[in-house]
Amino acid sequence: MRALAPGPEVLFLDEPFSALDFEMTLFIREKLQEVFLQTGTTMLLVSHDLEEAVYLADQVLLLTKRPTRVAEILDYTDARPRTVETLSEPSFIQMKKLSLEIFQREVRK
């Protein structure tokens, strides 16, 4: 929250949930969404967790192995706020599946 004090145009989040338990992760996900909806601040989230990335993102950029480049950019347009119910919606499951397929394709190269 300290990073939001100066009113940045972009907020960079590098693995923000990596040291959190699942309960705290869900809580912070909701808070990030609230901040986004209230401020419109662009957020760039780096994550190794596909579910987390899809849940929070409007666009998911999947990267290749080295040399790193963008393998695919996927648009995810489900309405906000996203909730725990979002995790079981067909569109969310499809986006997560597609992300995993692209990830596996890139890992096998």
PDB file of N, CA and C in Angstrom:
ATOM      1  N   MET A   1       0.826  -1.192   0.000  1.00  0.00           N
ATOM      2  CA  MET A   1       0.000   0.000   0.000  1.00  0.00           C
ATOM      3  C   MET A   1       0.870   1.256   0.000  1.00  0.00           C
ATOM      4  N   ARG A   2       2.053   1.151   0.567  1.00  0.00           N
ATOM      5  CA  ARG A   2       2.977   2.278   0.587  1.00  0.00           C
ATOM      6  C   ARG A   2       3.320   2.710  -0.841  1.00  0.00           C
ATOM      7  N   ALA A   3       3.404   1.729  -1.749  1.00  0.00           N
ATOM      8  CA  ALA A   3       3.750   2.034  -3.146  1.00  0.00           C
ATOM      9  C   ALA A   3       2.665   2.857  -3.830  1.00  0.00           C
ATOM     10  N   LEU A   4       1.448   2.813  -3.323  1.00  0.00           N
ATOM     11  CA  LEU A   4       0.348   3.575  -3.925  1.00  0.00           C
ATOM     12  C   LEU A   4       0.280   5.020  -3.432  1.00  0.00           C
ATOM     13  N   ALA A   5       0.972   5.340  -2.356  1.00  0.00           N
ATOM     14  CA  ALA A   5       0.896   6.675  -1.758  1.00  0.00           C
ATOM     15  C   ALA A   5       1.219   7.801  -2.738  1.00  0.00           C
ATOM     16  N   PRO A   6       2.274   7.678  -3.558  1.00  0.00           N
ATOM     17  CA  PRO A   6       2.566   8.782  -4.489  1.00  0.00           C
ATOM     18  C   PRO A   6       1.696   8.792  -5.755  1.00  0.00           C
ATOM     19  N   GLY A   7       0.734   7.877  -5.849  1.00  0.00           N
ATOM     20  CA  GLY A   7      -0.153   7.845  -7.017  1.00  0.00           C
ATOM     21  C   GLY A   7       0.544   7.436  -8.304  1.00  0.00           C
ATOM     22  N   PRO A   8       1.193   6.280  -8.319  1.00  0.00           N
ATOM     23  CA  PRO A   8       1.941   5.864  -9.507  1.00  0.00           C
ATOM     24  C   PRO A   8       1.012   5.548 -10.685  1.00  0.00           C
ATOM     25  N   GLU A   9       1.554   5.671 -11.896  1.00  0.00           N
ATOM     26  CA  GLU A   9       0.807   5.275 -13.084  1.00  0.00           C
ATOM     27  C   GLU A   9       0.800   3.761 -13.228  1.00  0.00           C
ATOM     28  N   VAL A  10       1.904   3.123 -12.795  1.00  0.00           N
ATOM     29  CA  VAL A  10       2.058   1.672 -12.897  1.00  0.00           C
ATOM     30  C   VAL A  10       2.568   1.140 -11.565  1.00  0.00           C
ATOM     31  N   LEU A  11       2.000   0.035 -11.120  1.00  0.00           N
ATOM     32  CA  LEU A  11       2.451  -0.640  -9.903  1.00  0.00           C
ATOM     33  C   LEU A  11       3.042  -1.983 -10.319  1.00  0.00           C
ATOM     34  N   PHE A  12       4.317  -2.208 -10.005  1.00  0.00           N
ATOM     35  CA  PHE A  12       5.001  -3.447 -10.349  1.00  0.00           C
ATOM     36  C   PHE A  12       4.931  -4.403  -9.171  1.00  0.00           C
ATOM     37  N   LEU A  13       4.427  -5.614  -9.401  1.00  0.00           N
ATOM     38  CA  LEU A  13       4.274  -6.627  -8.362  1.00  0.00           C
ATOM     39  C   LEU A  13       5.029  -7.888  -8.795  1.00  0.00           C
ATOM     40  N   ASP A  14       6.102  -8.189  -8.109  1.00  0.00           N
ATOM     41  CA  ASP A  14       6.930  -9.345  -8.449  1.00  0.00           C
ATOM     42  C   ASP A  14       6.691 -10.448  -7.428  1.00  0.00           C
ATOM     43  N   GLU A  15       5.940 -11.475  -7.843  1.00  0.00           N
ATOM     44  CA  GLU A  15       5.598 -12.606  -6.977  1.00  0.00           C
ATOM     45  C   GLU A  15       5.056 -12.132  -5.618  1.00  0.00           C
ATOM     46  N   PRO A  16       4.017 -11.292  -5.610  1.00  0.00           N
ATOM     47  CA  PRO A  16       3.564 -10.712  -4.340  1.00  0.00           C
ATOM     48  C   PRO A  16       2.952 -11.699  -3.352  1.00  0.00           C
ATOM     49  N   PHE A  17       2.592 -12.889  -3.803  1.00  0.00           N
ATOM     50  CA  PHE A  17       1.943 -13.856  -2.915  1.00  0.00           C
ATOM     51  C   PHE A  17       2.840 -15.034  -2.538  1.00  0.00           C
ATOM     52  N   SER A  18       4.074 -15.020  -2.982  1.00  0.00           N
ATOM     53  CA  SER A  18       4.941 -16.193  -2.843  1.00  0.00           C
ATOM     54  C   SER A  18       5.177 -16.624  -1.399  1.00  0.00           C
ATOM     55  N   ALA A  19       5.154 -15.699  -0.462  1.00  0.00           N
ATOM     56  CA  ALA A  19       5.423 -16.062   0.941  1.00  0.00           C
ATOM     57  C   ALA A  19       4.152 -16.092   1.789  1.00  0.00           C
ATOM     58  N   LEU A  20       2.997 -16.064   1.139  1.00  0.00           N
ATOM     59  CA  LEU A  20       1.738 -16.007   1.870  1.00  0.00           C
ATOM     60  C   LEU A  20       1.030 -17.354   1.885  1.00  0.00           C
ATOM     61  N   ASP A  21       0.280 -17.617   2.961  1.00  0.00           N
ATOM     62  CA  ASP A  21      -0.564 -18.812   2.968  1.00  0.00           C
ATOM     63  C   ASP A  21      -1.794 -18.532   2.096  1.00  0.00           C
ATOM     64  N   PHE A  22      -2.571 -19.561   1.826  1.00  0.00           N
ATOM     65  CA  PHE A  22      -3.681 -19.435   0.885  1.00  0.00           C
ATOM     66  C   PHE A  22      -4.730 -18.428   1.360  1.00  0.00           C
ATOM     67  N   GLU A  23      -5.032 -18.434   2.642  1.00  0.00           N
ATOM     68  CA  GLU A  23      -6.021 -17.505   3.182  1.00  0.00           C
ATOM     69  C   GLU A  23      -5.594 -16.056   2.961  1.00  0.00           C
ATOM     70  N   MET A  24      -4.332 -15.752   3.243  1.00  0.00           N
ATOM     71  CA  MET A  24      -3.834 -14.391   3.058  1.00  0.00           C
ATOM     72  C   MET A  24      -3.751 -14.044   1.570  1.00  0.00           C
ATOM     73  N   THR A  25      -3.411 -15.017   0.740  1.00  0.00           N
ATOM     74  CA  THR A  25      -3.381 -14.784  -0.703  1.00  0.00           C
ATOM     75  C   THR A  25      -4.750 -14.357  -1.206  1.00  0.00           C
ATOM     76  N   LEU A  26      -5.800 -15.055  -0.790  1.00  0.00           N
ATOM     77  CA  LEU A  26      -7.156 -14.684  -1.205  1.00  0.00           C
ATOM     78  C   LEU A  26      -7.511 -13.275  -0.738  1.00  0.00           C
ATOM     79  N   PHE A  27      -7.124 -12.949   0.496  1.00  0.00           N
ATOM     80  CA  PHE A  27      -7.410 -11.621   1.044  1.00  0.00           C
ATOM     81  C   PHE A  27      -6.701 -10.538   0.236  1.00  0.00           C
ATOM     82  N   ILE A  28      -5.426 -10.724  -0.041  1.00  0.00           N
ATOM     83  CA  ILE A  28      -4.645  -9.716  -0.768  1.00  0.00           C
ATOM     84  C   ILE A  28      -5.113  -9.612  -2.223  1.00  0.00           C
ATOM     85  N   ARG A  29      -5.514 -10.743  -2.831  1.00  0.00           N
ATOM     86  CA  ARG A  29      -6.080 -10.684  -4.186  1.00  0.00           C
ATOM     87  C   ARG A  29      -7.270  -9.726  -4.217  1.00  0.00           C
ATOM     88  N   GLU A  30      -8.140  -9.873  -3.231  1.00  0.00           N
ATOM     89  CA  GLU A  30      -9.329  -9.021  -3.176  1.00  0.00           C
ATOM     90  C   GLU A  30      -8.942  -7.563  -2.979  1.00  0.00           C
ATOM     91  N   LYS A  31      -7.963  -7.304  -2.121  1.00  0.00           N
ATOM     92  CA  LYS A  31      -7.526  -5.931  -1.879  1.00  0.00           C
ATOM     93  C   LYS A  31      -6.914  -5.314  -3.140  1.00  0.00           C
ATOM     94  N   LEU A  32      -6.120  -6.090  -3.874  1.00  0.00           N
ATOM     95  CA  LEU A  32      -5.557  -5.579  -5.127  1.00  0.00           C
ATOM     96  C   LEU A  32      -6.646  -5.225  -6.122  1.00  0.00           C
ATOM     97  N   GLN A  33      -7.662  -6.052  -6.200  1.00  0.00           N
ATOM     98  CA  GLN A  33      -8.782  -5.748  -7.091  1.00  0.00           C
ATOM     99  C   GLN A  33      -9.489  -4.465  -6.665  1.00  0.00           C
ATOM    100  N   GLU A  34      -9.688  -4.302  -5.349  1.00  0.00           N
ATOM    101  CA  GLU A  34     -10.327  -3.086  -4.847  1.00  0.00           C
ATOM    102  C   GLU A  34      -9.518  -1.858  -5.239  1.00  0.00           C
ATOM    103  N   VAL A  35      -8.203  -1.934  -5.055  1.00  0.00           N
ATOM    104  CA  VAL A  35      -7.326  -0.817  -5.420  1.00  0.00           C
ATOM    105  C   VAL A  35      -7.448  -0.529  -6.909  1.00  0.00           C
ATOM    106  N   PHE A  36      -7.422  -1.567  -7.725  1.00  0.00           N
ATOM    107  CA  PHE A  36      -7.538  -1.369  -9.172  1.00  0.00           C
ATOM    108  C   PHE A  36      -8.866  -0.713  -9.534  1.00  0.00           C
ATOM    109  N   LEU A  37      -9.950  -1.225  -8.969  1.00  0.00           N
ATOM    110  CA  LEU A  37     -11.269  -0.677  -9.293  1.00  0.00           C
ATOM    111  C   LEU A  37     -11.423   0.763  -8.815  1.00  0.00           C
ATOM    112  N   GLN A  38     -10.817   1.100  -7.685  1.00  0.00           N
ATOM    113  CA  GLN A  38     -10.940   2.458  -7.133  1.00  0.00           C
ATOM    114  C   GLN A  38     -10.012   3.457  -7.815  1.00  0.00           C
ATOM    115  N   THR A  39      -8.815   3.017  -8.211  1.00  0.00           N
ATOM    116  CA  THR A  39      -7.816   3.959  -8.714  1.00  0.00           C
ATOM    117  C   THR A  39      -7.555   3.853 -10.208  1.00  0.00           C
ATOM    118  N   GLY A  40      -7.823   2.668 -10.785  1.00  0.00           N
ATOM    119  CA  GLY A  40      -7.510   2.455 -12.190  1.00  0.00           C
ATOM    120  C   GLY A  40      -6.020   2.311 -12.453  1.00  0.00           C
ATOM    121  N   THR A  41      -5.220   2.168 -11.396  1.00  0.00           N
ATOM    122  CA  THR A  41      -3.773   2.038 -11.537  1.00  0.00           C
ATOM    123  C   THR A  41      -3.431   0.778 -12.321  1.00  0.00           C
ATOM    124  N   THR A  42      -2.603   0.912 -13.346  1.00  0.00           N
ATOM    125  CA  THR A  42      -2.119  -0.236 -14.101  1.00  0.00           C
ATOM    126  C   THR A  42      -1.205  -1.048 -13.204  1.00  0.00           C
ATOM    127  N   MET A  43      -1.395  -2.362 -13.185  1.00  0.00           N
ATOM    128  CA  MET A  43      -0.566  -3.235 -12.367  1.00  0.00           C
ATOM    129  C   MET A  43       0.086  -4.283 -13.258  1.00  0.00           C
ATOM    130  N   LEU A  44       1.382  -4.431 -13.092  1.00  0.00           N
ATOM    131  CA  LEU A  44       2.135  -5.442 -13.810  1.00  0.00           C
ATOM    132  C   LEU A  44       2.544  -6.486 -12.785  1.00  0.00           C
ATOM    133  N   LEU A  45       1.980  -7.684 -12.920  1.00  0.00           N
ATOM    134  CA  LEU A  45       2.182  -8.762 -11.950  1.00  0.00           C
ATOM    135  C   LEU A  45       3.036  -9.855 -12.571  1.00  0.00           C
ATOM    136  N   VAL A  46       4.116 -10.206 -11.902  1.00  0.00           N
ATOM    137  CA  VAL A  46       4.941 -11.337 -12.312  1.00  0.00           C
ATOM    138  C   VAL A  46       4.564 -12.497 -11.403  1.00  0.00           C
ATOM    139  N   SER A  47       4.253 -13.648 -12.011  1.00  0.00           N
ATOM    140  CA  SER A  47       3.845 -14.801 -11.219  1.00  0.00           C
ATOM    141  C   SER A  47       4.198 -16.094 -11.929  1.00  0.00           C
ATOM    142  N   HIS A  48       4.513 -17.103 -11.148  1.00  0.00           N
ATOM    143  CA  HIS A  48       4.696 -18.445 -11.674  1.00  0.00           C
ATOM    144  C   HIS A  48       3.433 -19.287 -11.469  1.00  0.00           C
ATOM    145  N   ASP A  49       2.413 -18.691 -10.894  1.00  0.00           N
ATOM    146  CA  ASP A  49       1.156 -19.368 -10.592  1.00  0.00           C
ATOM    147  C   ASP A  49       0.126 -18.961 -11.648  1.00  0.00           C
ATOM    148  N   LEU A  50      -0.225 -19.902 -12.538  1.00  0.00           N
ATOM    149  CA  LEU A  50      -1.147 -19.582 -13.629  1.00  0.00           C
ATOM    150  C   LEU A  50      -2.523 -19.163 -13.131  1.00  0.00           C
ATOM    151  N   GLU A  51      -3.014 -19.826 -12.089  1.00  0.00           N
ATOM    152  CA  GLU A  51      -4.327 -19.466 -11.556  1.00  0.00           C
ATOM    153  C   GLU A  51      -4.331 -18.026 -11.059  1.00  0.00           C
ATOM    154  N   GLU A  52      -3.304 -17.670 -10.329  1.00  0.00           N
ATOM    155  CA  GLU A  52      -3.167 -16.313  -9.812  1.00  0.00           C
ATOM    156  C   GLU A  52      -3.101 -15.294 -10.951  1.00  0.00           C
ATOM    157  N   ALA A  53      -2.311 -15.602 -11.952  1.00  0.00           N
ATOM    158  CA  ALA A  53      -2.141 -14.694 -13.085  1.00  0.00           C
ATOM    159  C   ALA A  53      -3.454 -14.484 -13.827  1.00  0.00           C
ATOM    160  N   VAL A  54      -4.145 -15.557 -14.126  1.00  0.00           N
ATOM    161  CA  VAL A  54      -5.409 -15.450 -14.863  1.00  0.00           C
ATOM    162  C   VAL A  54      -6.456 -14.722 -14.021  1.00  0.00           C
ATOM    163  N   TYR A  55      -6.531 -15.053 -12.753  1.00  0.00           N
ATOM    164  CA  TYR A  55      -7.527 -14.453 -11.863  1.00  0.00           C
ATOM    165  C   TYR A  55      -7.387 -12.936 -11.803  1.00  0.00           C
ATOM    166  N   LEU A  56      -6.158 -12.459 -11.735  1.00  0.00           N
ATOM    167  CA  LEU A  56      -5.928 -11.036 -11.548  1.00  0.00           C
ATOM    168  C   LEU A  56      -5.791 -10.248 -12.847  1.00  0.00           C
ATOM    169  N   ALA A  57      -5.548 -10.910 -13.943  1.00  0.00           N
ATOM    170  CA  ALA A  57      -5.142 -10.210 -15.164  1.00  0.00           C
ATOM    171  C   ALA A  57      -6.284  -9.901 -16.122  1.00  0.00           C
ATOM    172  N   ASP A  58      -6.052  -8.850 -16.900  1.00  0.00           N
ATOM    173  CA  ASP A  58      -6.851  -8.596 -18.095  1.00  0.00           C
ATOM    174  C   ASP A  58      -6.109  -9.160 -19.303  1.00  0.00           C
ATOM    175  N   GLN A  59      -4.781  -9.206 -19.183  1.00  0.00           N
ATOM    176  CA  GLN A  59      -3.939  -9.830 -20.210  1.00  0.00           C
ATOM    177  C   GLN A  59      -2.896 -10.691 -19.510  1.00  0.00           C
ATOM    178  N   VAL A  60      -2.696 -11.892 -20.035  1.00  0.00           N
ATOM    179  CA  VAL A  60      -1.671 -12.803 -19.529  1.00  0.00           C
ATOM    180  C   VAL A  60      -0.608 -12.915 -20.616  1.00  0.00           C
ATOM    181  N   LEU A  61       0.618 -12.567 -20.261  1.00  0.00           N
ATOM    182  CA  LEU A  61       1.747 -12.718 -21.180  1.00  0.00           C
ATOM    183  C   LEU A  61       2.528 -13.934 -20.737  1.00  0.00           C
ATOM    184  N   LEU A  62       2.609 -14.915 -21.605  1.00  0.00           N
ATOM    185  CA  LEU A  62       3.367 -16.128 -21.307  1.00  0.00           C
ATOM    186  C   LEU A  62       4.714 -16.032 -22.001  1.00  0.00           C
ATOM    187  N   LEU A  63       5.760 -16.341 -21.262  1.00  0.00           N
ATOM    188  CA  LEU A  63       7.118 -16.169 -21.760  1.00  0.00           C
ATOM    189  C   LEU A  63       7.741 -17.495 -22.175  1.00  0.00           C
ATOM    190  N   THR A  64       8.741 -17.395 -23.044  1.00  0.00           N
ATOM    191  CA  THR A  64       9.493 -18.563 -23.478  1.00  0.00           C
ATOM    192  C   THR A  64      10.665 -18.791 -22.527  1.00  0.00           C
ATOM    193  N   LYS A  65      11.336 -19.915 -22.744  1.00  0.00           N
ATOM    194  CA  LYS A  65      12.599 -20.126 -22.056  1.00  0.00           C
ATOM    195  C   LYS A  65      13.615 -19.186 -22.676  1.00  0.00           C
ATOM    196  N   ARG A  66      14.825 -19.228 -22.172  1.00  0.00           N
ATOM    197  CA  ARG A  66      15.890 -18.345 -22.675  1.00  0.00           C
ATOM    198  C   ARG A  66      16.251 -18.666 -24.100  1.00  0.00           C
ATOM    199  N   PRO A  67      16.465 -17.673 -24.906  1.00  0.00           N
ATOM    200  CA  PRO A  67      16.295 -16.257 -24.581  1.00  0.00           C
ATOM    201  C   PRO A  67      14.819 -15.929 -24.413  1.00  0.00           C
ATOM    202  N   THR A  68      14.507 -15.203 -23.380  1.00  0.00           N
ATOM    203  CA  THR A  68      13.121 -14.922 -23.033  1.00  0.00           C
ATOM    204  C   THR A  68      12.492 -13.947 -24.011  1.00  0.00           C
ATOM    205  N   ARG A  69      11.311 -14.349 -24.475  1.00  0.00           N
ATOM    206  CA  ARG A  69      10.482 -13.482 -25.316  1.00  0.00           C
ATOM    207  C   ARG A  69       9.031 -13.797 -24.977  1.00  0.00           C
ATOM    208  N   VAL A  70       8.129 -13.014 -25.484  1.00  0.00           N
ATOM    209  CA  VAL A  70       6.705 -13.254 -25.244  1.00  0.00           C
ATOM    210  C   VAL A  70       6.243 -14.341 -26.202  1.00  0.00           C
ATOM    211  N   ALA A  71       5.763 -15.452 -25.647  1.00  0.00           N
ATOM    212  CA  ALA A  71       5.257 -16.561 -26.464  1.00  0.00           C
ATOM    213  C   ALA A  71       3.830 -16.283 -26.932  1.00  0.00           C
ATOM    214  N   GLU A  72       3.001 -15.802 -26.024  1.00  0.00           N
ATOM    215  CA  GLU A  72       1.590 -15.510 -26.340  1.00  0.00           C
ATOM    216  C   GLU A  72       1.094 -14.413 -25.402  1.00  0.00           C
ATOM    217  N   ILE A  73       0.136 -13.655 -25.896  1.00  0.00           N
ATOM    218  CA  ILE A  73      -0.597 -12.696 -25.067  1.00  0.00           C
ATOM    219  C   ILE A  73      -2.061 -13.111 -25.135  1.00  0.00           C
ATOM    220  N   LEU A  74      -2.619 -13.403 -23.977  1.00  0.00           N
ATOM    221  CA  LEU A  74      -4.012 -13.841 -23.905  1.00  0.00           C
ATOM    222  C   LEU A  74      -4.848 -12.781 -23.208  1.00  0.00           C
ATOM    223  N   ASP A  75      -5.967 -12.406 -23.802  1.00  0.00           N
ATOM    224  CA  ASP A  75      -6.894 -11.465 -23.185  1.00  0.00           C
ATOM    225  C   ASP A  75      -7.917 -12.225 -22.362  1.00  0.00           C
ATOM    226  N   TYR A  76      -8.113 -11.779 -21.134  1.00  0.00           N
ATOM    227  CA  TYR A  76      -9.115 -12.390 -20.250  1.00  0.00           C
ATOM    228  C   TYR A  76     -10.067 -11.281 -19.816  1.00  0.00           C
ATOM    229  N   THR A  77     -11.312 -11.365 -20.247  1.00  0.00           N
ATOM    230  CA  THR A  77     -12.230 -10.243 -20.116  1.00  0.00           C
ATOM    231  C   THR A  77     -13.386 -10.475 -19.145  1.00  0.00           C
ATOM    232  N   ASP A  78     -13.310 -11.487 -18.306  1.00  0.00           N
ATOM    233  CA  ASP A  78     -14.396 -11.690 -17.345  1.00  0.00           C
ATOM    234  C   ASP A  78     -14.544 -10.456 -16.464  1.00  0.00           C
ATOM    235  N   ALA A  79     -15.769 -10.209 -16.055  1.00  0.00           N
ATOM    236  CA  ALA A  79     -16.090  -9.015 -15.278  1.00  0.00           C
ATOM    237  C   ALA A  79     -15.378  -8.984 -13.931  1.00  0.00           C
ATOM    238  N   ARG A  80     -15.193  -7.795 -13.442  1.00  0.00           N
ATOM    239  CA  ARG A  80     -14.666  -7.574 -12.096  1.00  0.00           C
ATOM    240  C   ARG A  80     -15.792  -7.018 -11.239  1.00  0.00           C
ATOM    241  N   PRO A  81     -15.735  -7.211  -9.948  1.00  0.00           N
ATOM    242  CA  PRO A  81     -14.679  -7.925  -9.248  1.00  0.00           C
ATOM    243  C   PRO A  81     -14.800  -9.426  -9.457  1.00  0.00           C
ATOM    244  N   ARG A  82     -13.660 -10.058  -9.534  1.00  0.00           N
ATOM    245  CA  ARG A  82     -13.626 -11.513  -9.617  1.00  0.00           C
ATOM    246  C   ARG A  82     -13.661 -12.060  -8.196  1.00  0.00           C
ATOM    247  N   THR A  83     -14.356 -13.181  -8.051  1.00  0.00           N
ATOM    248  CA  THR A  83     -14.576 -13.746  -6.716  1.00  0.00           C
ATOM    249  C   THR A  83     -14.130 -15.200  -6.696  1.00  0.00           C
ATOM    250  N   VAL A  84     -14.282 -15.821  -5.555  1.00  0.00           N
ATOM    251  CA  VAL A  84     -13.956 -17.239  -5.447  1.00  0.00           C
ATOM    252  C   VAL A  84     -14.787 -18.040  -6.450  1.00  0.00           C
ATOM    253  N   GLU A  85     -16.005 -17.601  -6.726  1.00  0.00           N
ATOM    254  CA  GLU A  85     -16.857 -18.276  -7.708  1.00  0.00           C
ATOM    255  C   GLU A  85     -16.254 -18.216  -9.106  1.00  0.00           C
ATOM    256  N   THR A  86     -15.476 -17.188  -9.382  1.00  0.00           N
ATOM    257  CA  THR A  86     -14.812 -17.046 -10.681  1.00  0.00           C
ATOM    258  C   THR A  86     -13.956 -18.273 -10.983  1.00  0.00           C
ATOM    259  N   LEU A  87     -13.343 -18.842  -9.950  1.00  0.00           N
ATOM    260  CA  LEU A  87     -12.429 -19.971 -10.120  1.00  0.00           C
ATOM    261  C   LEU A  87     -13.086 -21.200 -10.740  1.00  0.00           C
ATOM    262  N   SER A  88     -14.412 -21.297 -10.640  1.00  0.00           N
ATOM    263  CA  SER A  88     -15.102 -22.461 -11.207  1.00  0.00           C
ATOM    264  C   SER A  88     -15.929 -22.124 -12.449  1.00  0.00           C
ATOM    265  N   GLU A  89     -15.828 -20.890 -12.938  1.00  0.00           N
ATOM    266  CA  GLU A  89     -16.566 -20.506 -14.141  1.00  0.00           C
ATOM    267  C   GLU A  89     -15.883 -21.082 -15.383  1.00  0.00           C
ATOM    268  N   PRO A  90     -16.666 -21.540 -16.363  1.00  0.00           N
ATOM    269  CA  PRO A  90     -16.089 -22.144 -17.573  1.00  0.00           C
ATOM    270  C   PRO A  90     -15.068 -21.254 -18.286  1.00  0.00           C
ATOM    271  N   SER A  91     -15.317 -19.958 -18.359  1.00  0.00           N
ATOM    272  CA  SER A  91     -14.376 -19.072 -19.053  1.00  0.00           C
ATOM    273  C   SER A  91     -13.036 -18.996 -18.317  1.00  0.00           C
ATOM    274  N   PHE A  92     -13.068 -19.015 -16.992  1.00  0.00           N
ATOM    275  CA  PHE A  92     -11.833 -19.002 -16.214  1.00  0.00           C
ATOM    276  C   PHE A  92     -11.077 -20.317 -16.404  1.00  0.00           C
ATOM    277  N   ILE A  93     -11.796 -21.413 -16.322  1.00  0.00           N
ATOM    278  CA  ILE A  93     -11.170 -22.732 -16.483  1.00  0.00           C
ATOM    279  C   ILE A  93     -10.559 -22.850 -17.877  1.00  0.00           C
ATOM    280  N   GLN A  94     -11.247 -22.361 -18.896  1.00  0.00           N
ATOM    281  CA  GLN A  94     -10.733 -22.413 -20.261  1.00  0.00           C
ATOM    282  C   GLN A  94      -9.466 -21.575 -20.411  1.00  0.00           C
ATOM    283  N   MET A  95      -9.465 -20.382 -19.823  1.00  0.00           N
ATOM    284  CA  MET A  95      -8.278 -19.523 -19.915  1.00  0.00           C
ATOM    285  C   MET A  95      -7.097 -20.145 -19.177  1.00  0.00           C
ATOM    286  N   LYS A  96      -7.349 -20.716 -18.039  1.00  0.00           N
ATOM    287  CA  LYS A  96      -6.274 -21.376 -17.283  1.00  0.00           C
ATOM    288  C   LYS A  96      -5.740 -22.577 -18.071  1.00  0.00           C
ATOM    289  N   LYS A  97      -6.634 -23.331 -18.693  1.00  0.00           N
ATOM    290  CA  LYS A  97      -6.231 -24.492 -19.500  1.00  0.00           C
ATOM    291  C   LYS A  97      -5.380 -24.054 -20.689  1.00  0.00           C
ATOM    292  N   LEU A  98      -5.816 -23.022 -21.389  1.00  0.00           N
ATOM    293  CA  LEU A  98      -5.063 -22.512 -22.531  1.00  0.00           C
ATOM    294  C   LEU A  98      -3.681 -22.014 -22.087  1.00  0.00           C
ATOM    295  N   SER A  99      -3.623 -21.307 -20.976  1.00  0.00           N
ATOM    296  CA  SER A  99      -2.346 -20.829 -20.440  1.00  0.00           C
ATOM    297  C   SER A  99      -1.415 -21.993 -20.135  1.00  0.00           C
ATOM    298  N   LEU A 100      -1.958 -23.041 -19.537  1.00  0.00           N
ATOM    299  CA  LEU A 100      -1.151 -24.223 -19.211  1.00  0.00           C
ATOM    300  C   LEU A 100      -0.653 -24.911 -20.475  1.00  0.00           C
ATOM    301  N   GLU A 101      -1.500 -25.005 -21.489  1.00  0.00           N
ATOM    302  CA  GLU A 101      -1.078 -25.619 -22.756  1.00  0.00           C
ATOM    303  C   GLU A 101       0.076 -24.846 -23.393  1.00  0.00           C
ATOM    304  N   ILE A 102      -0.020 -23.536 -23.393  1.00  0.00           N
ATOM    305  CA  ILE A 102       1.056 -22.715 -23.959  1.00  0.00           C
ATOM    306  C   ILE A 102       2.321 -22.862 -23.128  1.00  0.00           C
ATOM    307  N   PHE A 103       2.175 -22.840 -21.821  1.00  0.00           N
ATOM    308  CA  PHE A 103       3.323 -23.013 -20.930  1.00  0.00           C
ATOM    309  C   PHE A 103       4.015 -24.348 -21.195  1.00  0.00           C
ATOM    310  N   GLN A 104       3.238 -25.416 -21.261  1.00  0.00           N
ATOM    311  CA  GLN A 104       3.827 -26.743 -21.502  1.00  0.00           C
ATOM    312  C   GLN A 104       4.504 -26.818 -22.866  1.00  0.00           C
ATOM    313  N   ARG A 105       3.905 -26.214 -23.865  1.00  0.00           N
ATOM    314  CA  ARG A 105       4.511 -26.177 -25.190  1.00  0.00           C
ATOM    315  C   ARG A 105       5.873 -25.491 -25.135  1.00  0.00           C
ATOM    316  N   GLU A 106       5.940 -24.393 -24.435  1.00  0.00           N
ATOM    317  CA  GLU A 106       7.193 -23.629 -24.368  1.00  0.00           C
ATOM    318  C   GLU A 106       8.256 -24.344 -23.543  1.00  0.00           C
ATOM    319  N   VAL A 107       7.846 -25.023 -22.501  1.00  0.00           N
ATOM    320  CA  VAL A 107       8.803 -25.745 -21.656  1.00  0.00           C
ATOM    321  C   VAL A 107       9.420 -26.916 -22.419  1.00  0.00           C
ATOM    322  N   ARG A 108       8.647 -27.528 -23.289  1.00  0.00           N
ATOM    323  CA  ARG A 108       9.126 -28.708 -24.024  1.00  0.00           C
ATOM    324  C   ARG A 108      10.041 -28.366 -25.196  1.00  0.00           C
ATOM    325  N   LYS A 109      10.109 -27.111 -25.578  1.00  0.00           N
ATOM    326  CA  LYS A 109      10.944 -26.714 -26.724  1.00  0.00           C
ATOM    327  C   LYS A 109      12.405 -26.851 -26.403  1.00  0.00           C
TER     328      LYS A 109
END
